[in-house]
């Protein structure tokens, strides 16, 4: 059995149908990408302000980096 080389990243983007012009509006989402692709729509967290989206993406990135060091 071969081990899959999985690359997880998180993308902050404007939710579909939203303007994305106001960073305080809940127009933003964070999508978990596996090798650059959303594999599960449940891994998209939406209705976030831009600051909330940045915080979530940063938290997940740090958690991933911490797991790689362990």
PDB file of N, CA and C in Angstrom:
ATOM      1  N   UNK A   1       0.839  -1.183   0.000  1.00  0.00           N
ATOM      2  CA  UNK A   1       0.000   0.000   0.000  1.00  0.00           C
ATOM      3  C   UNK A   1       0.884   1.246   0.000  1.00  0.00           C
ATOM      4  N   UNK A   2       0.652   2.137  -0.951  1.00  0.00           N
ATOM      5  CA  UNK A   2       1.435   3.362  -1.030  1.00  0.00           C
ATOM      6  C   UNK A   2       0.827   4.440  -0.161  1.00  0.00           C
ATOM      7  N   UNK A   3       1.675   5.213   0.485  1.00  0.00           N
ATOM      8  CA  UNK A   3       1.223   6.331   1.290  1.00  0.00           C
ATOM      9  C   UNK A   3       0.978   7.527   0.373  1.00  0.00           C
ATOM     10  N   UNK A   4      -0.221   8.113   0.487  1.00  0.00           N
ATOM     11  CA  UNK A   4      -0.557   9.266  -0.345  1.00  0.00           C
ATOM     12  C   UNK A   4       0.155  10.503   0.184  1.00  0.00           C
ATOM     13  N   UNK A   5       0.723  11.281  -0.707  1.00  0.00           N
ATOM     14  CA  UNK A   5       1.379  12.526  -0.336  1.00  0.00           C
ATOM     15  C   UNK A   5       0.319  13.625  -0.355  1.00  0.00           C
ATOM     16  N   UNK A   6      -0.323  13.850   0.781  1.00  0.00           N
ATOM     17  CA  UNK A   6      -1.426  14.788   0.899  1.00  0.00           C
ATOM     18  C   UNK A   6      -0.913  16.152   1.323  1.00  0.00           C
ATOM     19  N   UNK A   7      -1.262  17.172   0.557  1.00  0.00           N
ATOM     20  CA  UNK A   7      -0.881  18.541   0.871  1.00  0.00           C
ATOM     21  C   UNK A   7      -2.144  19.313   1.237  1.00  0.00           C
ATOM     22  N   UNK A   8      -2.307  19.623   2.532  1.00  0.00           N
ATOM     23  CA  UNK A   8      -3.450  20.395   3.002  1.00  0.00           C
ATOM     24  C   UNK A   8      -3.099  21.870   3.050  1.00  0.00           C
ATOM     25  N   UNK A   9      -3.964  22.692   2.475  1.00  0.00           N
ATOM     26  CA  UNK A   9      -3.831  24.142   2.552  1.00  0.00           C
ATOM     27  C   UNK A   9      -5.220  24.731   2.792  1.00  0.00           C
ATOM     28  N   UNK A  10      -5.243  25.997   3.183  1.00  0.00           N
ATOM     29  CA  UNK A  10      -6.506  26.678   3.439  1.00  0.00           C
ATOM     30  C   UNK A  10      -6.542  27.961   2.648  1.00  0.00           C
ATOM     31  N   UNK A  11      -7.676  28.184   1.999  1.00  0.00           N
ATOM     32  CA  UNK A  11      -7.832  29.354   1.140  1.00  0.00           C
ATOM     33  C   UNK A  11      -8.945  30.241   1.696  1.00  0.00           C
ATOM     34  N   UNK A  12      -8.648  31.520   1.830  1.00  0.00           N
ATOM     35  CA  UNK A  12      -9.655  32.508   2.207  1.00  0.00           C
ATOM     36  C   UNK A  12     -10.187  33.106   0.917  1.00  0.00           C
ATOM     37  N   UNK A  13     -11.496  33.095   0.778  1.00  0.00           N
ATOM     38  CA  UNK A  13     -12.082  33.623  -0.449  1.00  0.00           C
ATOM     39  C   UNK A  13     -13.460  34.214  -0.159  1.00  0.00           C
ATOM     40  N   UNK A  14     -13.969  34.958  -1.121  1.00  0.00           N
ATOM     41  CA  UNK A  14     -15.301  35.546  -1.011  1.00  0.00           C
ATOM     42  C   UNK A  14     -16.324  34.453  -1.291  1.00  0.00           C
ATOM     43  N   UNK A  15     -17.334  34.346  -0.435  1.00  0.00           N
ATOM     44  CA  UNK A  15     -18.387  33.362  -0.643  1.00  0.00           C
ATOM     45  C   UNK A  15     -19.157  33.671  -1.926  1.00  0.00           C
ATOM     46  N   UNK A  16     -19.626  32.636  -2.571  1.00  0.00           N
ATOM     47  CA  UNK A  16     -20.363  32.792  -3.817  1.00  0.00           C
ATOM     48  C   UNK A  16     -21.585  33.689  -3.601  1.00  0.00           C
ATOM     49  N   UNK A  17     -21.770  34.623  -4.504  1.00  0.00           N
ATOM     50  CA  UNK A  17     -22.910  35.519  -4.437  1.00  0.00           C
ATOM     51  C   UNK A  17     -22.740  36.699  -3.495  1.00  0.00           C
ATOM     52  N   UNK A  18     -21.570  36.827  -2.884  1.00  0.00           N
ATOM     53  CA  UNK A  18     -21.301  37.932  -1.960  1.00  0.00           C
ATOM     54  C   UNK A  18     -20.368  38.929  -2.621  1.00  0.00           C
ATOM     55  N   UNK A  19     -20.421  40.169  -2.136  1.00  0.00           N
ATOM     56  CA  UNK A  19     -19.624  41.240  -2.741  1.00  0.00           C
ATOM     57  C   UNK A  19     -18.155  41.159  -2.336  1.00  0.00           C
ATOM     58  N   UNK A  20     -17.898  40.924  -1.058  1.00  0.00           N
ATOM     59  CA  UNK A  20     -16.517  40.876  -0.597  1.00  0.00           C
ATOM     60  C   UNK A  20     -15.846  42.235  -0.556  1.00  0.00           C
ATOM     61  N   UNK A  21     -16.629  43.293  -0.534  1.00  0.00           N
ATOM     62  CA  UNK A  21     -16.045  44.636  -0.526  1.00  0.00           C
ATOM     63  C   UNK A  21     -15.857  45.189   0.878  1.00  0.00           C
ATOM     64  N   UNK A  22     -16.540  44.611   1.862  1.00  0.00           N
ATOM     65  CA  UNK A  22     -16.457  45.069   3.248  1.00  0.00           C
ATOM     66  C   UNK A  22     -15.845  43.961   4.101  1.00  0.00           C
ATOM     67  N   UNK A  23     -14.651  44.172   4.640  1.00  0.00           N
ATOM     68  CA  UNK A  23     -14.017  43.118   5.440  1.00  0.00           C
ATOM     69  C   UNK A  23     -14.787  42.795   6.720  1.00  0.00           C
ATOM     70  N   UNK A  24     -15.692  43.678   7.146  1.00  0.00           N
ATOM     71  CA  UNK A  24     -16.483  43.428   8.360  1.00  0.00           C
ATOM     72  C   UNK A  24     -17.780  42.667   8.071  1.00  0.00           C
ATOM     73  N   UNK A  25     -18.132  42.535   6.800  1.00  0.00           N
ATOM     74  CA  UNK A  25     -19.344  41.807   6.419  1.00  0.00           C
ATOM     75  C   UNK A  25     -19.054  40.301   6.400  1.00  0.00           C
ATOM     76  N   UNK A  26     -20.078  39.480   6.707  1.00  0.00           N
ATOM     77  CA  UNK A  26     -19.865  38.023   6.709  1.00  0.00           C
ATOM     78  C   UNK A  26     -19.867  37.441   5.294  1.00  0.00           C
ATOM     79  N   UNK A  27     -19.000  37.966   4.461  1.00  0.00           N
ATOM     80  CA  UNK A  27     -18.927  37.583   3.045  1.00  0.00           C
ATOM     81  C   UNK A  27     -17.822  36.578   2.749  1.00  0.00           C
ATOM     82  N   UNK A  28     -17.104  36.126   3.736  1.00  0.00           N
ATOM     83  CA  UNK A  28     -15.872  35.374   3.517  1.00  0.00           C
ATOM     84  C   UNK A  28     -16.023  33.925   3.947  1.00  0.00           C
ATOM     85  N   UNK A  29     -15.193  33.079   3.366  1.00  0.00           N
ATOM     86  CA  UNK A  29     -15.167  31.667   3.737  1.00  0.00           C
ATOM     87  C   UNK A  29     -13.733  31.161   3.721  1.00  0.00           C
ATOM     88  N   UNK A  30     -13.521  30.088   4.453  1.00  0.00           N
ATOM     89  CA  UNK A  30     -12.235  29.391   4.460  1.00  0.00           C
ATOM     90  C   UNK A  30     -12.494  27.996   3.919  1.00  0.00           C
ATOM     91  N   UNK A  31     -11.763  27.625   2.894  1.00  0.00           N
ATOM     92  CA  UNK A  31     -11.914  26.300   2.293  1.00  0.00           C
ATOM     93  C   UNK A  31     -10.660  25.486   2.548  1.00  0.00           C
ATOM     94  N   UNK A  32     -10.858  24.244   2.971  1.00  0.00           N
ATOM     95  CA  UNK A  32      -9.735  23.310   3.122  1.00  0.00           C
ATOM     96  C   UNK A  32      -9.496  22.649   1.778  1.00  0.00           C
ATOM     97  N   UNK A  33      -8.273  22.760   1.289  1.00  0.00           N
ATOM     98  CA  UNK A  33      -7.910  22.174   0.000  1.00  0.00           C
ATOM     99  C   UNK A  33      -6.983  20.988   0.214  1.00  0.00           C
ATOM    100  N   UNK A  34      -7.289  19.903  -0.449  1.00  0.00           N
ATOM    101  CA  UNK A  34      -6.415  18.732  -0.449  1.00  0.00           C
ATOM    102  C   UNK A  34      -5.765  18.678  -1.821  1.00  0.00           C
ATOM    103  N   UNK A  35      -4.456  18.908  -1.843  1.00  0.00           N
ATOM    104  CA  UNK A  35      -3.716  18.976  -3.107  1.00  0.00           C
ATOM    105  C   UNK A  35      -4.360  19.986  -4.057  1.00  0.00           C
ATOM    106  N   UNK A  36      -4.809  21.108  -3.489  1.00  0.00           N
ATOM    107  CA  UNK A  36      -5.334  22.205  -4.289  1.00  0.00           C
ATOM    108  C   UNK A  36      -6.801  22.128  -4.652  1.00  0.00           C
ATOM    109  N   UNK A  37      -7.520  21.108  -4.144  1.00  0.00           N
ATOM    110  CA  UNK A  37      -8.918  20.903  -4.520  1.00  0.00           C
ATOM    111  C   UNK A  37      -9.774  20.709  -3.262  1.00  0.00           C
ATOM    112  N   UNK A  38     -10.971  21.312  -3.257  1.00  0.00           N
ATOM    113  CA  UNK A  38     -11.923  21.049  -2.182  1.00  0.00           C
ATOM    114  C   UNK A  38     -12.489  19.657  -2.416  1.00  0.00           C
ATOM    115  N   UNK A  39     -12.240  18.741  -1.488  1.00  0.00           N
ATOM    116  CA  UNK A  39     -12.725  17.363  -1.633  1.00  0.00           C
ATOM    117  C   UNK A  39     -14.078  17.166  -0.965  1.00  0.00           C
ATOM    118  N   UNK A  40     -14.406  18.027   0.015  1.00  0.00           N
ATOM    119  CA  UNK A  40     -15.637  17.869   0.778  1.00  0.00           C
ATOM    120  C   UNK A  40     -16.191  19.257   1.089  1.00  0.00           C
ATOM    121  N   UNK A  41     -17.399  19.532   0.635  1.00  0.00           N
ATOM    122  CA  UNK A  41     -17.995  20.842   0.881  1.00  0.00           C
ATOM    123  C   UNK A  41     -18.196  21.117   2.368  1.00  0.00           C
ATOM    124  N   UNK A  42     -18.204  20.088   3.200  1.00  0.00           N
ATOM    125  CA  UNK A  42     -18.305  20.286   4.645  1.00  0.00           C
ATOM    126  C   UNK A  42     -17.042  20.943   5.193  1.00  0.00           C
ATOM    127  N   UNK A  43     -15.978  20.964   4.402  1.00  0.00           N
ATOM    128  CA  UNK A  43     -14.719  21.592   4.806  1.00  0.00           C
ATOM    129  C   UNK A  43     -14.634  23.057   4.391  1.00  0.00           C
ATOM    130  N   UNK A  44     -15.776  23.643   4.040  1.00  0.00           N
ATOM    131  CA  UNK A  44     -15.843  25.069   3.727  1.00  0.00           C
ATOM    132  C   UNK A  44     -16.611  25.746   4.857  1.00  0.00           C
ATOM    133  N   UNK A  45     -15.972  26.682   5.507  1.00  0.00           N
ATOM    134  CA  UNK A  45     -16.587  27.412   6.618  1.00  0.00           C
ATOM    135  C   UNK A  45     -16.877  28.822   6.139  1.00  0.00           C
ATOM    136  N   UNK A  46     -18.169  29.194   6.137  1.00  0.00           N
ATOM    137  CA  UNK A  46     -18.559  30.466   5.549  1.00  0.00           C
ATOM    138  C   UNK A  46     -19.248  31.381   6.559  1.00  0.00           C
ATOM    139  N   UNK A  47     -19.766  32.496   6.050  1.00  0.00           N
ATOM    140  CA  UNK A  47     -20.406  33.533   6.874  1.00  0.00           C
ATOM    141  C   UNK A  47     -19.432  34.117   7.890  1.00  0.00           C
ATOM    142  N   UNK A  48     -18.211  34.333   7.456  1.00  0.00           N
ATOM    143  CA  UNK A  48     -17.162  34.883   8.319  1.00  0.00           C
ATOM    144  C   UNK A  48     -16.798  36.291   7.866  1.00  0.00           C
ATOM    145  N   UNK A  49     -16.351  37.112   8.817  1.00  0.00           N
ATOM    146  CA  UNK A  49     -15.715  38.361   8.435  1.00  0.00           C
ATOM    147  C   UNK A  49     -14.312  38.009   7.944  1.00  0.00           C
ATOM    148  N   UNK A  50     -13.648  38.944   7.300  1.00  0.00           N
ATOM    149  CA  UNK A  50     -12.309  38.666   6.804  1.00  0.00           C
ATOM    150  C   UNK A  50     -11.358  38.342   7.960  1.00  0.00           C
ATOM    151  N   UNK A  51     -11.483  39.073   9.070  1.00  0.00           N
ATOM    152  CA  UNK A  51     -10.616  38.822  10.233  1.00  0.00           C
ATOM    153  C   UNK A  51     -10.861  37.424  10.807  1.00  0.00           C
ATOM    154  N   UNK A  52     -12.121  36.999  10.871  1.00  0.00           N
ATOM    155  CA  UNK A  52     -12.428  35.650  11.367  1.00  0.00           C
ATOM    156  C   UNK A  52     -11.844  34.593  10.441  1.00  0.00           C
ATOM    157  N   UNK A  53     -11.955  34.822   9.140  1.00  0.00           N
ATOM    158  CA  UNK A  53     -11.409  33.876   8.164  1.00  0.00           C
ATOM    159  C   UNK A  53      -9.892  33.768   8.303  1.00  0.00           C
ATOM    160  N   UNK A  54      -9.228  34.910   8.486  1.00  0.00           N
ATOM    161  CA  UNK A  54      -7.775  34.901   8.674  1.00  0.00           C
ATOM    162  C   UNK A  54      -7.401  34.137   9.948  1.00  0.00           C
ATOM    163  N   UNK A  55      -8.166  34.342  11.004  1.00  0.00           N
ATOM    164  CA  UNK A  55      -7.877  33.669  12.272  1.00  0.00           C
ATOM    165  C   UNK A  55      -8.028  32.153  12.141  1.00  0.00           C
ATOM    166  N   UNK A  56      -9.088  31.706  11.493  1.00  0.00           N
ATOM    167  CA  UNK A  56      -9.316  30.268  11.327  1.00  0.00           C
ATOM    168  C   UNK A  56      -8.232  29.649  10.440  1.00  0.00           C
ATOM    169  N   UNK A  57      -7.942  30.272   9.312  1.00  0.00           N
ATOM    170  CA  UNK A  57      -6.909  29.739   8.421  1.00  0.00           C
ATOM    171  C   UNK A  57      -5.560  29.702   9.128  1.00  0.00           C
ATOM    172  N   UNK A  58      -5.249  30.737   9.891  1.00  0.00           N
ATOM    173  CA  UNK A  58      -3.991  30.764  10.631  1.00  0.00           C
ATOM    174  C   UNK A  58      -3.923  29.673  11.695  1.00  0.00           C
ATOM    175  N   UNK A  59      -5.032  29.453  12.390  1.00  0.00           N
ATOM    176  CA  UNK A  59      -5.084  28.425  13.433  1.00  0.00           C
ATOM    177  C   UNK A  59      -4.855  27.043  12.826  1.00  0.00           C
ATOM    178  N   UNK A  60      -5.520  26.751  11.707  1.00  0.00           N
ATOM    179  CA  UNK A  60      -5.371  25.445  11.072  1.00  0.00           C
ATOM    180  C   UNK A  60      -3.972  25.256  10.511  1.00  0.00           C
ATOM    181  N   UNK A  61      -3.408  26.319   9.943  1.00  0.00           N
ATOM    182  CA  UNK A  61      -2.045  26.234   9.411  1.00  0.00           C
ATOM    183  C   UNK A  61      -1.058  25.944  10.535  1.00  0.00           C
ATOM    184  N   UNK A  62      -1.215  26.626  11.671  1.00  0.00           N
ATOM    185  CA  UNK A  62      -0.323  26.391  12.813  1.00  0.00           C
ATOM    186  C   UNK A  62      -0.481  24.974  13.344  1.00  0.00           C
ATOM    187  N   UNK A  63      -1.720  24.498  13.421  1.00  0.00           N
ATOM    188  CA  UNK A  63      -1.966  23.131  13.903  1.00  0.00           C
ATOM    189  C   UNK A  63      -1.278  22.123  12.989  1.00  0.00           C
ATOM    190  N   UNK A  64      -1.351  22.350  11.673  1.00  0.00           N
ATOM    191  CA  UNK A  64      -0.694  21.452  10.722  1.00  0.00           C
ATOM    192  C   UNK A  64       0.825  21.493  10.906  1.00  0.00           C
ATOM    193  N   UNK A  65       1.376  22.693  11.041  1.00  0.00           N
ATOM    194  CA  UNK A  65       2.826  22.829  11.229  1.00  0.00           C
ATOM    195  C   UNK A  65       3.275  22.171  12.529  1.00  0.00           C
ATOM    196  N   UNK A  66       2.500  22.325  13.584  1.00  0.00           N
ATOM    197  CA  UNK A  66       2.836  21.704  14.864  1.00  0.00           C
ATOM    198  C   UNK A  66       2.814  20.181  14.752  1.00  0.00           C
ATOM    199  N   UNK A  67       1.858  19.649  14.009  1.00  0.00           N
ATOM    200  CA  UNK A  67       1.756  18.197  13.837  1.00  0.00           C
ATOM    201  C   UNK A  67       2.940  17.658  13.035  1.00  0.00           C
ATOM    202  N   UNK A  68       3.434  18.437  12.084  1.00  0.00           N
ATOM    203  CA  UNK A  68       4.569  17.999  11.269  1.00  0.00           C
ATOM    204  C   UNK A  68       5.859  17.970  12.070  1.00  0.00           C
ATOM    205  N   UNK A  69       5.964  18.821  13.077  1.00  0.00           N
ATOM    206  CA  UNK A  69       7.167  18.892  13.913  1.00  0.00           C
ATOM    207  C   UNK A  69       7.197  17.736  14.901  1.00  0.00           C
ATOM    208  N   UNK A  70       6.025  17.321  15.370  1.00  0.00           N
ATOM    209  CA  UNK A  70       5.945  16.260  16.394  1.00  0.00           C
ATOM    210  C   UNK A  70       6.429  14.933  15.898  1.00  0.00           C
TER     211      UNK A  70
END
